[in-house]
Structures are given as structure tokens and as C-alpha cells.
């Protein structure tokens, strides 16, 4: 009986999926390096999408170091706690190559994106796909529901030069 209950619990857990939607995307620091018209908008009653462009204003090279931080608000009330999961700290070129390695299929619709292994990264206008829905399956199933805030921070000679923040809402499909 206990084995049957355990198996049933594993089946239910494995069937659980997260619905993930964009809440906000904004640049907090870095107007000398980056300009953006990216915005989150309600596409229809049930779908939230990301639209806009990103403009790199200066070349980026291996002297720019990128780190990440992840925060979680279990109640969805903007009271975030630091979550101990992050991408490794890397230079901007290695970071972009990691993004290509992990998320290549989700970058197909992005126009004028940095080429894989391109370094230094030349200034350009990058056009995000119109009405890009968040790819929910990239979020591991074990992540709890709630609001998630992801920050990417760029450093040059130990001085913070850029900071981006994306907030997403994750909710369990079965609840």
C-alpha cells in the first residue's frame, strides 16, 4: 500500500506543470551601454507576451563580466527572498555562448542577435520576436509557484555598469 501511494505521488508530481508568464522586464542601470523598448503586454485574456527592441550602444568584450541573481516571492506579493540558484559568473561572450547552448530553440525568432562565438559583440539593434510567450518548459518542474525575479548584472573592472531585471509569474497547472 505504501509503495502504491508513493508511486501515485510520483506520478502526480511528474504530471504537474508550471504555467509561466512574463510580469515585467526592465533595465535598472546601463543607459551608456544599452537602450530598450522591451515591454510586457497582455496579448489576450489568457496570454502575456514580450515585445520590443534592444539596442547595444557600445561594443562588449571579455572585460565585461556577467553575474546573475534569482529571487522568489512565494505569495506573489513582491516580498522577495534570495534563491540560491544562478548561472555561473562569466564574461559576456561566454555568457552569450551559454545562452545559445541552453536556449537555442527559443532564440530563433530574435532578429539581429549576436552570433554564436562572436566576440567582441558589436553595437546593434536586436528585435525581439513580436508577442514572444515565455517558454514555460525551460523552468524546472521543482521550482515552486509564485513570483520570480531574475537579475543579470554586468561588471567592468569591479564596477556595476548594467543591471536587467525580469519578473515572471509561475503557477501550478493543477491548482
Protein backbone atom coordinates (compact mmCIF):
# COMPACT_ATOMS: atom_id res chain seq x y z
CA UNK A 1 0.00 0.00 0.00
CA UNK A 2 2.78 2.42 0.91
CA UNK A 3 4.60 1.64 -2.36
CA UNK A 4 1.38 2.27 -4.33
CA UNK A 5 0.85 5.61 -2.57
CA UNK A 6 4.47 6.58 -3.20
CA UNK A 7 4.18 5.65 -6.89
CA UNK A 8 0.94 7.58 -7.25
CA UNK A 9 2.56 10.60 -5.60
CA UNK A 10 5.49 10.43 -8.03
CA UNK A 11 3.10 10.21 -10.99
CA UNK A 12 1.11 13.24 -9.79
CA UNK A 13 4.29 15.24 -9.18
CA UNK A 14 5.65 14.35 -12.62
CA UNK A 15 2.38 15.40 -14.29
CA UNK A 16 2.42 18.77 -12.62
CA UNK A 17 3.44 21.52 -14.96
CA UNK A 18 4.07 25.16 -14.37
CA UNK A 19 2.38 27.88 -16.32
CA UNK A 20 4.87 30.72 -16.54
CA UNK A 21 4.04 34.24 -17.72
CA UNK A 22 6.06 37.42 -18.09
CA UNK A 23 5.26 40.08 -15.49
CA UNK A 24 7.90 42.75 -16.15
CA UNK A 25 11.19 43.36 -17.95
CA UNK A 26 13.23 46.45 -17.24
CA UNK A 27 16.69 47.92 -17.34
CA UNK A 28 17.75 49.27 -13.96
CA UNK A 29 21.23 50.51 -14.89
CA UNK A 30 23.27 50.90 -18.04
CA UNK A 31 21.97 53.66 -20.31
CA UNK A 32 25.53 54.18 -21.60
CA UNK A 33 25.61 50.59 -22.92
CA UNK A 34 22.04 49.62 -23.69
CA UNK A 35 18.68 51.04 -24.70
CA UNK A 36 15.45 49.07 -24.77
CA UNK A 37 11.83 49.27 -25.81
CA UNK A 38 11.08 45.78 -24.47
CA UNK A 39 7.78 45.63 -22.70
CA UNK A 40 5.42 43.02 -21.35
CA UNK A 41 1.87 43.26 -22.60
CA UNK A 42 -1.35 41.33 -22.31
CA UNK A 43 -1.94 39.72 -25.71
CA UNK A 44 -5.41 38.46 -24.92
CA UNK A 45 -7.29 37.41 -21.80
CA UNK A 46 -5.02 34.45 -21.13
CA UNK A 47 -1.64 35.19 -22.75
CA UNK A 48 1.09 37.65 -21.74
CA UNK A 49 3.87 38.40 -24.23
CA UNK A 50 7.15 40.27 -24.62
CA UNK A 51 7.66 42.80 -27.46
CA UNK A 52 10.25 45.36 -28.47
CA UNK A 53 13.85 46.02 -29.37
CA UNK A 54 17.18 46.10 -27.57
CA UNK A 55 19.93 48.41 -28.76
CA UNK A 56 23.56 47.81 -27.83
CA UNK A 57 25.24 51.23 -27.85
CA UNK A 58 28.86 50.14 -27.26
CA UNK A 59 30.94 47.10 -28.16
CA UNK A 60 31.05 44.46 -25.43
CA UNK A 61 34.14 42.30 -24.90
CA UNK A 62 35.57 39.84 -22.40
CA UNK A 63 36.28 42.62 -19.90
CA UNK A 64 32.52 42.76 -19.15
CA UNK A 65 31.66 40.13 -16.50
CA UNK A 66 28.05 38.92 -16.13
CA UNK A 67 26.57 37.51 -12.93
CA UNK A 68 23.01 36.56 -12.10
CA UNK A 69 20.77 36.53 -9.06
CA UNK A 70 17.40 34.84 -8.56
CA UNK A 71 14.71 35.82 -6.06
CA UNK A 72 11.38 34.18 -5.13
CA UNK A 73 8.16 35.55 -3.66
CA UNK A 74 6.04 32.57 -2.67
CA UNK A 75 2.91 34.63 -2.01
CA UNK A 76 3.33 36.78 -5.10
CA UNK A 77 3.36 39.95 -3.02
CA UNK A 78 6.73 41.35 -4.15
CA UNK A 79 8.43 40.31 -0.88
CA UNK A 80 11.35 38.50 -2.49
CA UNK A 81 13.85 36.19 -0.85
CA UNK A 82 17.18 35.39 -2.46
CA UNK A 83 17.09 31.93 -4.08
CA UNK A 84 20.42 30.04 -4.13
CA UNK A 85 20.33 29.11 -7.85
CA UNK A 86 22.21 31.03 -10.51
CA UNK A 87 24.15 30.83 -13.73
CA UNK A 88 27.93 30.82 -13.33
CA UNK A 89 29.67 34.20 -13.40
CA UNK A 90 31.26 34.56 -16.86
CA UNK A 91 32.49 37.17 -19.28
CA UNK A 92 29.79 38.45 -21.63
CA UNK A 93 31.00 36.35 -24.58
CA UNK A 94 30.96 33.09 -22.60
CA UNK A 95 27.58 34.08 -21.13
CA UNK A 96 26.06 34.53 -24.60
CA UNK A 97 27.53 31.19 -25.71
CA UNK A 98 25.94 29.55 -22.65
CA UNK A 99 22.60 31.12 -23.55
CA UNK A 100 22.95 29.69 -27.07
CA UNK A 101 23.84 26.26 -25.72
CA UNK A 102 20.88 26.08 -23.34
CA UNK A 103 18.17 28.07 -25.13
CA UNK A 104 18.99 27.98 -28.86
CA UNK A 105 15.46 26.91 -29.89
CA UNK A 106 13.95 29.95 -28.14
CA UNK A 107 16.24 32.43 -29.92
CA UNK A 108 15.13 31.61 -33.49
CA UNK A 109 12.63 34.48 -33.66
CA UNK A 110 15.08 37.12 -32.45
CA UNK A 111 16.36 39.28 -35.34
CA UNK A 112 19.98 40.54 -35.47
CA UNK A 113 21.00 38.63 -32.36
CA UNK A 114 24.66 38.18 -31.54
CA UNK A 115 26.17 35.28 -33.48
CA UNK A 116 27.39 32.28 -31.58
CA UNK A 117 31.07 32.70 -30.59
CA UNK A 118 31.02 36.38 -31.63
CA UNK A 119 33.44 38.37 -29.52
CA UNK A 120 33.67 41.33 -29.21
CA UNK A 121 29.97 41.96 -29.62
CA UNK A 122 29.40 44.89 -31.97
CA UNK A 123 26.74 47.55 -31.36
CA UNK A 124 23.40 46.67 -32.98
CA UNK A 125 19.63 46.82 -32.70
CA UNK A 126 18.17 43.45 -31.74
CA UNK A 127 14.50 42.91 -32.46
CA UNK A 128 12.79 40.53 -30.09
CA UNK A 129 10.05 38.47 -31.68
CA UNK A 130 6.70 40.17 -31.59
CA UNK A 131 4.43 38.68 -28.98
CA UNK A 132 7.00 36.22 -27.56
CA UNK A 133 5.35 33.96 -24.99
CA UNK A 134 7.53 32.76 -22.11
CA UNK A 135 8.77 29.20 -22.82
CA UNK A 136 7.42 27.53 -19.67
CA UNK A 137 9.27 24.26 -20.21
CA UNK A 138 12.67 25.91 -19.56
CA UNK A 139 11.73 26.31 -15.89
CA UNK A 140 12.46 23.12 -13.92
CA UNK A 141 9.34 21.44 -12.53
CA UNK A 142 10.66 21.50 -8.99
CA UNK A 143 10.61 25.32 -8.85
CA UNK A 144 7.78 26.46 -6.59
CA UNK A 145 4.89 28.65 -7.73
CA UNK A 146 4.96 32.39 -7.09
CA UNK A 147 6.73 35.43 -8.45
CA UNK A 148 10.32 35.03 -9.61
CA UNK A 149 12.75 37.88 -10.15
CA UNK A 150 15.87 37.23 -12.22
CA UNK A 151 18.60 39.83 -12.40
CA UNK A 152 21.55 39.93 -14.77
CA UNK A 153 24.33 42.25 -13.65
CA UNK A 154 27.28 43.31 -15.82
CA UNK A 155 30.55 44.47 -14.27
CA UNK A 156 33.52 46.31 -15.78
CA UNK A 157 36.62 46.45 -13.55
CA UNK A 158 34.50 45.61 -10.47
CA UNK A 159 32.10 48.47 -11.19
CA UNK A 160 28.48 47.63 -11.97
CA UNK A 161 27.68 49.05 -15.42
CA UNK A 162 24.41 47.28 -16.36
CA UNK A 163 21.55 45.62 -14.49
CA UNK A 164 18.49 43.99 -16.03
CA UNK A 165 15.53 42.57 -14.20
CA UNK A 166 12.83 40.21 -15.38
CA UNK A 167 9.90 39.17 -13.23
CA UNK A 168 7.84 36.13 -14.13
CA UNK A 169 4.82 34.52 -12.50
CA UNK A 170 4.77 30.74 -12.14
CA UNK A 171 1.67 28.88 -11.14
CA UNK A 172 0.95 25.21 -10.91
CA UNK A 173 -1.47 23.99 -13.61
CA UNK A 174 -3.25 21.66 -11.17
CA UNK A 175 -4.04 24.33 -8.58
